[in-house]
Amino acid sequence: MKRHASDKRQEKYERILDAAVKVFAEKGFYLSRVSDIAREAGVADGTIYLYFKNKDDILISIFEEKMRTAIEIFQAHLSNDMDACSKLRRFVEVHLSLFGDNPDLAAVLQVELRQSSRFMKEYKKVELKRFLDLIGEIVQQGQEEGIFRKDLSVSLVKRFIFGALDEVVSTWVSSGGRFSLAKQAEPLADLFVRGLKVEQGGDGKAGGEGGASPPSTPYNQEGGN
């Protein structure tokens, strides 16, 4: 009986989040009201506050839940027997397809989320760190396999890859989806791989030089994060 009640609560929680994604995408975060979300979810206004403190809490919960789901999807697509180049290409394909298939969610995560001062200034972004670490693991694997340059900081590279993907999706959202995200996957992945790959005859560094340690930057002074 308790399990049934728990399942119903979880179902309602997810329904509210999905409703919030639709409302935030259509009206924008600031113009949306809790009553709009309740109406879209088919629940009473007061029910929302049984699950969330306020509108910011709903927005951050969307980010947390969708990022957890995305990470699970990425992990399912990245087989252990794939080399780093294949993994990176697959990662780019999956990332762009997830947003391309969910334009409302893309609008919320790329635009509305960044209008929340609480998210930008106070939230620790644990799920974002897990996402960045997923990219970092691919880069590190490539370095260990001798495929990717060892003179580049893993921490810097994972932020570069995330930043490039983030900008492409943001541009797609602001354009109203006027171009195909899926068609950007191959050139983007090619750009990343070509920039990271050791040149033939090289030893862990572009230009065939020795595998020196990466230069000191604010990124590789964070304990490898």
C-alpha atoms as a PDB file:
ATOM      1  CA  MET A   1       0.000   0.000   0.000  1.00  0.00           C
ATOM      2  CA  LYS A   2       2.832   2.390   0.910  1.00  0.00           C
ATOM      3  CA  ARG A   3       4.649   1.521  -2.305  1.00  0.00           C
ATOM      4  CA  HIS A   4       1.520   2.281  -4.334  1.00  0.00           C
ATOM      5  CA  ALA A   5       1.209   5.663  -2.631  1.00  0.00           C
ATOM      6  CA  SER A   6       4.894   6.349  -3.301  1.00  0.00           C
ATOM      7  CA  ASP A   7       4.466   5.471  -6.982  1.00  0.00           C
ATOM      8  CA  LYS A   8       1.488   7.816  -7.267  1.00  0.00           C
ATOM      9  CA  ARG A   9       3.448  10.605  -5.612  1.00  0.00           C
ATOM     10  CA  GLN A  10       6.359  10.097  -8.008  1.00  0.00           C
ATOM     11  CA  GLU A  11       3.993  10.065 -10.987  1.00  0.00           C
ATOM     12  CA  LYS A  12       2.440  13.353  -9.877  1.00  0.00           C
ATOM     13  CA  TYR A  13       5.891  14.860  -9.249  1.00  0.00           C
ATOM     14  CA  GLU A  14       6.984  14.001 -12.791  1.00  0.00           C
ATOM     15  CA  ARG A  15       3.697  15.260 -14.224  1.00  0.00           C
ATOM     16  CA  ILE A  16       4.218  18.624 -12.532  1.00  0.00           C
ATOM     17  CA  LEU A  17       7.773  18.865 -13.871  1.00  0.00           C
ATOM     18  CA  ASP A  18       6.662  18.022 -17.419  1.00  0.00           C
ATOM     19  CA  ALA A  19       3.892  20.603 -17.152  1.00  0.00           C
ATOM     20  CA  ALA A  20       6.379  23.189 -15.909  1.00  0.00           C
ATOM     21  CA  VAL A  21       8.674  22.528 -18.873  1.00  0.00           C
ATOM     22  CA  LYS A  22       5.806  23.233 -21.263  1.00  0.00           C
ATOM     23  CA  VAL A  23       4.621  26.355 -19.408  1.00  0.00           C
ATOM     24  CA  PHE A  24       8.126  27.826 -18.973  1.00  0.00           C
ATOM     25  CA  ALA A  25       8.909  27.207 -22.655  1.00  0.00           C
ATOM     26  CA  GLU A  26       5.688  28.891 -23.803  1.00  0.00           C
ATOM     27  CA  LYS A  27       5.479  31.837 -21.393  1.00  0.00           C
ATOM     28  CA  GLY A  28       8.989  32.238 -20.082  1.00  0.00           C
ATOM     29  CA  PHE A  29      10.055  31.674 -16.496  1.00  0.00           C
ATOM     30  CA  TYR A  30       9.200  35.129 -15.135  1.00  0.00           C
ATOM     31  CA  LEU A  31       5.761  35.389 -16.755  1.00  0.00           C
ATOM     32  CA  SER A  32       4.734  31.879 -15.724  1.00  0.00           C
ATOM     33  CA  ARG A  33       2.641  31.408 -12.591  1.00  0.00           C
ATOM     34  CA  VAL A  34       2.380  28.410 -10.323  1.00  0.00           C
ATOM     35  CA  SER A  35      -1.334  28.326 -11.181  1.00  0.00           C
ATOM     36  CA  ASP A  36      -0.416  27.936 -14.880  1.00  0.00           C
ATOM     37  CA  ILE A  37       1.699  24.905 -14.050  1.00  0.00           C
ATOM     38  CA  ALA A  38      -1.012  23.426 -11.839  1.00  0.00           C
ATOM     39  CA  ARG A  39      -3.583  23.832 -14.597  1.00  0.00           C
ATOM     40  CA  GLU A  40      -1.311  22.187 -17.179  1.00  0.00           C
ATOM     41  CA  ALA A  41      -0.565  19.315 -14.775  1.00  0.00           C
ATOM     42  CA  GLY A  42      -4.224  18.865 -13.857  1.00  0.00           C
ATOM     43  CA  VAL A  43      -3.701  19.430 -10.127  1.00  0.00           C
ATOM     44  CA  ALA A  44      -4.829  22.001  -7.586  1.00  0.00           C
ATOM     45  CA  ASP A  45      -2.593  25.052  -7.063  1.00  0.00           C
ATOM     46  CA  GLY A  46      -1.873  24.015  -3.474  1.00  0.00           C
ATOM     47  CA  THR A  47      -0.673  20.589  -4.602  1.00  0.00           C
ATOM     48  CA  ILE A  48       2.370  22.180  -6.237  1.00  0.00           C
ATOM     49  CA  TYR A  49       3.583  23.384  -2.841  1.00  0.00           C
ATOM     50  CA  LEU A  50       3.485  19.857  -1.457  1.00  0.00           C
ATOM     51  CA  TYR A  51       6.338  19.062  -3.838  1.00  0.00           C
ATOM     52  CA  PHE A  52       8.145  22.372  -4.403  1.00  0.00           C
ATOM     53  CA  LYS A  53       8.887  25.487  -2.367  1.00  0.00           C
ATOM     54  CA  ASN A  54       8.487  27.967  -5.201  1.00  0.00           C
ATOM     55  CA  LYS A  55       8.967  28.537  -8.927  1.00  0.00           C
ATOM     56  CA  ASP A  56      12.773  28.562  -8.656  1.00  0.00           C
ATOM     57  CA  ASP A  57      12.631  25.220  -6.905  1.00  0.00           C
ATOM     58  CA  ILE A  58      10.589  23.792  -9.789  1.00  0.00           C
ATOM     59  CA  LEU A  59      13.066  25.134 -12.337  1.00  0.00           C
ATOM     60  CA  ILE A  60      16.101  23.705 -10.542  1.00  0.00           C
ATOM     61  CA  SER A  61      14.289  20.373 -10.072  1.00  0.00           C
ATOM     62  CA  ILE A  62      13.718  20.232 -13.833  1.00  0.00           C
ATOM     63  CA  PHE A  63      17.440  20.651 -14.358  1.00  0.00           C
ATOM     64  CA  GLU A  64      18.356  18.001 -11.791  1.00  0.00           C
ATOM     65  CA  GLU A  65      15.878  15.387 -13.001  1.00  0.00           C
ATOM     66  CA  LYS A  66      16.511  15.891 -16.703  1.00  0.00           C
ATOM     67  CA  MET A  67      20.280  15.867 -16.228  1.00  0.00           C
ATOM     68  CA  ARG A  68      20.070  12.603 -14.263  1.00  0.00           C
ATOM     69  CA  THR A  69      18.001  11.081 -17.049  1.00  0.00           C
ATOM     70  CA  ALA A  70      20.395  12.388 -19.706  1.00  0.00           C
ATOM     71  CA  ILE A  71      23.420  10.941 -17.904  1.00  0.00           C
ATOM     72  CA  GLU A  72      21.702   7.530 -17.745  1.00  0.00           C
ATOM     73  CA  ILE A  73      20.996   7.728 -21.489  1.00  0.00           C
ATOM     74  CA  PHE A  74      24.609   8.663 -22.245  1.00  0.00           C
ATOM     75  CA  GLN A  75      25.910   5.801 -20.124  1.00  0.00           C
ATOM     76  CA  ALA A  76      23.633   3.359 -21.947  1.00  0.00           C
ATOM     77  CA  HIS A  77      24.985   4.530 -25.319  1.00  0.00           C
ATOM     78  CA  LEU A  78      28.665   4.540 -24.372  1.00  0.00           C
ATOM     79  CA  SER A  79      29.761   0.917 -24.442  1.00  0.00           C
ATOM     80  CA  ASN A  80      32.868  -0.112 -22.530  1.00  0.00           C
ATOM     81  CA  ASP A  81      34.366  -1.709 -25.626  1.00  0.00           C
ATOM     82  CA  MET A  82      34.264   1.536 -27.635  1.00  0.00           C
ATOM     83  CA  ASP A  83      37.477   3.502 -28.126  1.00  0.00           C
ATOM     84  CA  ALA A  84      37.592   7.139 -27.033  1.00  0.00           C
ATOM     85  CA  CYS A  85      37.070   8.575 -30.535  1.00  0.00           C
ATOM     86  CA  SER A  86      33.940   6.482 -31.041  1.00  0.00           C
ATOM     87  CA  LYS A  87      32.654   7.426 -27.600  1.00  0.00           C
ATOM     88  CA  LEU A  88      33.178  11.128 -28.211  1.00  0.00           C
ATOM     89  CA  ARG A  89      31.385  10.976 -31.549  1.00  0.00           C
ATOM     90  CA  ARG A  90      28.498   9.049 -29.986  1.00  0.00           C
ATOM     91  CA  PHE A  91      28.352  11.513 -27.080  1.00  0.00           C
ATOM     92  CA  VAL A  92      27.958  14.456 -29.465  1.00  0.00           C
ATOM     93  CA  GLU A  93      25.257  12.642 -31.464  1.00  0.00           C
ATOM     94  CA  VAL A  94      23.253  11.727 -28.358  1.00  0.00           C
ATOM     95  CA  HIS A  95      23.613  15.188 -26.799  1.00  0.00           C
ATOM     96  CA  LEU A  96      22.268  16.982 -29.859  1.00  0.00           C
ATOM     97  CA  SER A  97      19.498  14.436 -30.448  1.00  0.00           C
ATOM     98  CA  LEU A  98      18.267  14.761 -26.863  1.00  0.00           C
ATOM     99  CA  PHE A  99      17.774  18.496 -27.293  1.00  0.00           C
ATOM    100  CA  GLY A 100      16.570  18.249 -30.889  1.00  0.00           C
ATOM    101  CA  ASP A 101      13.852  15.806 -29.862  1.00  0.00           C
ATOM    102  CA  ASN A 102      12.784  17.997 -26.912  1.00  0.00           C
ATOM    103  CA  PRO A 103      12.598  21.643 -28.038  1.00  0.00           C
ATOM    104  CA  ASP A 104      10.584  22.771 -24.981  1.00  0.00           C
ATOM    105  CA  LEU A 105      13.156  21.286 -22.626  1.00  0.00           C
ATOM    106  CA  ALA A 106      15.950  22.830 -24.694  1.00  0.00           C
ATOM    107  CA  ALA A 107      14.345  26.267 -24.359  1.00  0.00           C
ATOM    108  CA  VAL A 108      13.983  25.870 -20.596  1.00  0.00           C
ATOM    109  CA  LEU A 109      17.532  24.612 -19.965  1.00  0.00           C
ATOM    110  CA  GLN A 110      19.286  26.929 -22.427  1.00  0.00           C
ATOM    111  CA  VAL A 111      17.334  30.145 -21.791  1.00  0.00           C
ATOM    112  CA  GLU A 112      14.962  30.141 -18.838  1.00  0.00           C
ATOM    113  CA  LEU A 113      17.235  28.327 -16.383  1.00  0.00           C
ATOM    114  CA  ARG A 114      19.889  31.015 -16.731  1.00  0.00           C
ATOM    115  CA  GLN A 115      17.426  33.691 -15.710  1.00  0.00           C
ATOM    116  CA  SER A 116      17.202  32.205 -12.229  1.00  0.00           C
ATOM    117  CA  SER A 117      19.562  34.116  -9.937  1.00  0.00           C
ATOM    118  CA  ARG A 118      19.352  31.261  -7.433  1.00  0.00           C
ATOM    119  CA  PHE A 119      20.576  28.748 -10.010  1.00  0.00           C
ATOM    120  CA  MET A 120      23.359  30.975 -11.307  1.00  0.00           C
ATOM    121  CA  LYS A 121      24.651  32.183  -7.920  1.00  0.00           C
ATOM    122  CA  GLU A 122      23.650  29.718  -5.209  1.00  0.00           C
ATOM    123  CA  TYR A 123      23.036  26.279  -6.687  1.00  0.00           C
ATOM    124  CA  LYS A 124      26.047  23.931  -6.575  1.00  0.00           C
ATOM    125  CA  LYS A 125      25.177  22.263  -9.910  1.00  0.00           C
ATOM    126  CA  VAL A 126      26.089  18.736  -8.804  1.00  0.00           C
ATOM    127  CA  GLU A 127      24.477  17.138 -11.855  1.00  0.00           C
ATOM    128  CA  LEU A 128      26.350  19.478 -14.187  1.00  0.00           C
ATOM    129  CA  LYS A 129      29.620  18.339 -12.603  1.00  0.00           C
ATOM    130  CA  ARG A 130      28.631  14.698 -13.206  1.00  0.00           C
ATOM    131  CA  PHE A 131      27.888  15.583 -16.828  1.00  0.00           C
ATOM    132  CA  LEU A 132      31.244  17.306 -17.270  1.00  0.00           C
ATOM    133  CA  ASP A 133      32.986  14.355 -15.629  1.00  0.00           C
ATOM    134  CA  LEU A 134      31.380  12.057 -18.192  1.00  0.00           C
ATOM    135  CA  ILE A 135      33.093  14.052 -20.947  1.00  0.00           C
ATOM    136  CA  GLY A 136      36.297  14.098 -18.918  1.00  0.00           C
ATOM    137  CA  GLU A 137      36.305  10.308 -18.634  1.00  0.00           C
ATOM    138  CA  ILE A 138      36.184  10.012 -22.426  1.00  0.00           C
ATOM    139  CA  VAL A 139      39.063  12.464 -22.837  1.00  0.00           C
ATOM    140  CA  GLN A 140      41.120  10.690 -20.181  1.00  0.00           C
ATOM    141  CA  GLN A 141      40.465   7.325 -21.821  1.00  0.00           C
ATOM    142  CA  GLY A 142      41.712   8.760 -25.116  1.00  0.00           C
ATOM    143  CA  GLN A 143      44.890   9.980 -23.472  1.00  0.00           C
ATOM    144  CA  GLU A 144      45.481   6.585 -21.854  1.00  0.00           C
ATOM    145  CA  GLU A 145      44.905   4.872 -25.202  1.00  0.00           C
ATOM    146  CA  GLY A 146      47.466   7.187 -26.815  1.00  0.00           C
ATOM    147  CA  ILE A 147      44.791   8.579 -29.150  1.00  0.00           C
ATOM    148  CA  PHE A 148      44.336  12.036 -27.591  1.00  0.00           C
ATOM    149  CA  ARG A 149      46.992  14.610 -26.800  1.00  0.00           C
ATOM    150  CA  LYS A 150      48.367  14.457 -23.281  1.00  0.00           C
ATOM    151  CA  ASP A 151      49.538  18.079 -23.265  1.00  0.00           C
ATOM    152  CA  LEU A 152      45.917  19.242 -22.888  1.00  0.00           C
ATOM    153  CA  SER A 153      44.254  19.466 -19.488  1.00  0.00           C
ATOM    154  CA  VAL A 154      41.279  17.113 -19.199  1.00  0.00           C
ATOM    155  CA  SER A 155      39.493  19.743 -17.146  1.00  0.00           C
ATOM    156  CA  LEU A 156      39.982  22.381 -19.828  1.00  0.00           C
ATOM    157  CA  VAL A 157      39.020  20.067 -22.694  1.00  0.00           C
ATOM    158  CA  LYS A 158      35.767  18.865 -21.105  1.00  0.00           C
ATOM    159  CA  ARG A 159      34.691  22.487 -20.562  1.00  0.00           C
ATOM    160  CA  PHE A 160      35.615  23.357 -24.146  1.00  0.00           C
ATOM    161  CA  ILE A 161      33.513  20.490 -25.507  1.00  0.00           C
ATOM    162  CA  PHE A 162      30.579  21.308 -23.246  1.00  0.00           C
ATOM    163  CA  GLY A 163      30.799  25.010 -24.094  1.00  0.00           C
ATOM    164  CA  ALA A 164      30.801  24.372 -27.839  1.00  0.00           C
ATOM    165  CA  LEU A 165      27.816  22.005 -27.628  1.00  0.00           C
ATOM    166  CA  ASP A 166      26.015  24.428 -25.334  1.00  0.00           C
ATOM    167  CA  GLU A 167      26.505  27.326 -27.761  1.00  0.00           C
ATOM    168  CA  VAL A 168      25.258  25.303 -30.739  1.00  0.00           C
ATOM    169  CA  VAL A 169      22.090  24.276 -28.874  1.00  0.00           C
ATOM    170  CA  SER A 170      21.527  27.843 -27.627  1.00  0.00           C
ATOM    171  CA  THR A 171      21.845  29.169 -31.192  1.00  0.00           C
ATOM    172  CA  TRP A 172      19.374  26.517 -32.371  1.00  0.00           C
ATOM    173  CA  VAL A 173      16.877  27.523 -29.672  1.00  0.00           C
ATOM    174  CA  SER A 174      17.195  31.255 -30.396  1.00  0.00           C
ATOM    175  CA  SER A 175      16.727  30.600 -34.127  1.00  0.00           C
ATOM    176  CA  GLY A 176      13.438  28.839 -33.456  1.00  0.00           C
ATOM    177  CA  GLY A 177      14.883  25.506 -34.582  1.00  0.00           C
ATOM    178  CA  ARG A 178      15.557  26.716 -38.121  1.00  0.00           C
ATOM    179  CA  PHE A 179      18.410  24.318 -38.699  1.00  0.00           C
ATOM    180  CA  SER A 180      18.904  20.641 -37.942  1.00  0.00           C
ATOM    181  CA  LEU A 181      20.772  19.929 -34.715  1.00  0.00           C
ATOM    182  CA  ALA A 182      21.360  16.345 -35.825  1.00  0.00           C
ATOM    183  CA  LYS A 183      23.283  17.543 -38.899  1.00  0.00           C
ATOM    184  CA  GLN A 184      25.703  19.468 -36.679  1.00  0.00           C
ATOM    185  CA  ALA A 185      26.806  16.301 -34.878  1.00  0.00           C
ATOM    186  CA  GLU A 186      29.293  15.027 -37.460  1.00  0.00           C
ATOM    187  CA  PRO A 187      31.169  18.306 -38.094  1.00  0.00           C
ATOM    188  CA  LEU A 188      31.261  19.102 -34.381  1.00  0.00           C
ATOM    189  CA  ALA A 189      32.550  15.659 -33.433  1.00  0.00           C
ATOM    190  CA  ASP A 190      35.106  15.869 -36.248  1.00  0.00           C
ATOM    191  CA  LEU A 191      36.289  19.227 -34.908  1.00  0.00           C
ATOM    192  CA  PHE A 192      36.729  17.818 -31.406  1.00  0.00           C
ATOM    193  CA  VAL A 193      38.465  14.626 -32.513  1.00  0.00           C
ATOM    194  CA  ARG A 194      40.846  16.383 -34.918  1.00  0.00           C
ATOM    195  CA  GLY A 195      41.802  18.870 -32.237  1.00  0.00           C
ATOM    196  CA  LEU A 196      42.437  16.170 -29.662  1.00  0.00           C
ATOM    197  CA  LYS A 197      44.084  13.431 -31.727  1.00  0.00           C
ATOM    198  CA  VAL A 198      47.813  12.845 -31.575  1.00  0.00           C
ATOM    199  CA  GLU A 199      49.362  13.478 -34.977  1.00  0.00           C
ATOM    200  CA  GLN A 200      50.835  10.467 -36.715  1.00  0.00           C
ATOM    201  CA  GLY A 201      54.349   9.941 -35.459  1.00  0.00           C
ATOM    202  CA  GLY A 202      53.680  12.114 -32.418  1.00  0.00           C
ATOM    203  CA  ASP A 203      54.048  11.242 -28.765  1.00  0.00           C
ATOM    204  CA  GLY A 204      51.072  12.633 -26.965  1.00  0.00           C
ATOM    205  CA  LYS A 205      51.340  16.169 -28.313  1.00  0.00           C
ATOM    206  CA  ALA A 206      50.388  17.988 -31.507  1.00  0.00           C
ATOM    207  CA  GLY A 207      53.237  18.405 -33.942  1.00  0.00           C
ATOM    208  CA  GLY A 208      54.978  15.225 -32.862  1.00  0.00           C
ATOM    209  CA  GLU A 209      56.646  16.703 -29.775  1.00  0.00           C
ATOM    210  CA  GLY A 210      57.047  14.886 -26.456  1.00  0.00           C
ATOM    211  CA  GLY A 211      54.094  14.248 -24.149  1.00  0.00           C
ATOM    212  CA  ALA A 212      54.677  17.215 -21.862  1.00  0.00           C
ATOM    213  CA  SER A 213      52.387  18.026 -18.974  1.00  0.00           C
ATOM    214  CA  PRO A 214      49.605  20.508 -19.734  1.00  0.00           C
ATOM    215  CA  PRO A 215      50.411  24.159 -18.943  1.00  0.00           C
ATOM    216  CA  SER A 216      49.158  25.541 -15.647  1.00  0.00           C
ATOM    217  CA  THR A 217      45.675  27.058 -15.955  1.00  0.00           C
ATOM    218  CA  PRO A 218      42.844  27.814 -13.527  1.00  0.00           C
ATOM    219  CA  TYR A 219      41.164  24.656 -14.826  1.00  0.00           C
ATOM    220  CA  ASN A 220      43.867  22.125 -14.012  1.00  0.00           C
ATOM    221  CA  GLN A 221      44.351  23.552 -10.530  1.00  0.00           C
ATOM    222  CA  GLU A 222      41.005  22.208  -9.334  1.00  0.00           C
ATOM    223  CA  GLY A 223      42.105  18.743  -8.390  1.00  0.00           C
ATOM    224  CA  GLY A 224      41.259  17.368 -11.836  1.00  0.00           C
ATOM    225  CA  ASN A 225      37.619  18.505 -11.841  1.00  0.00           C
END
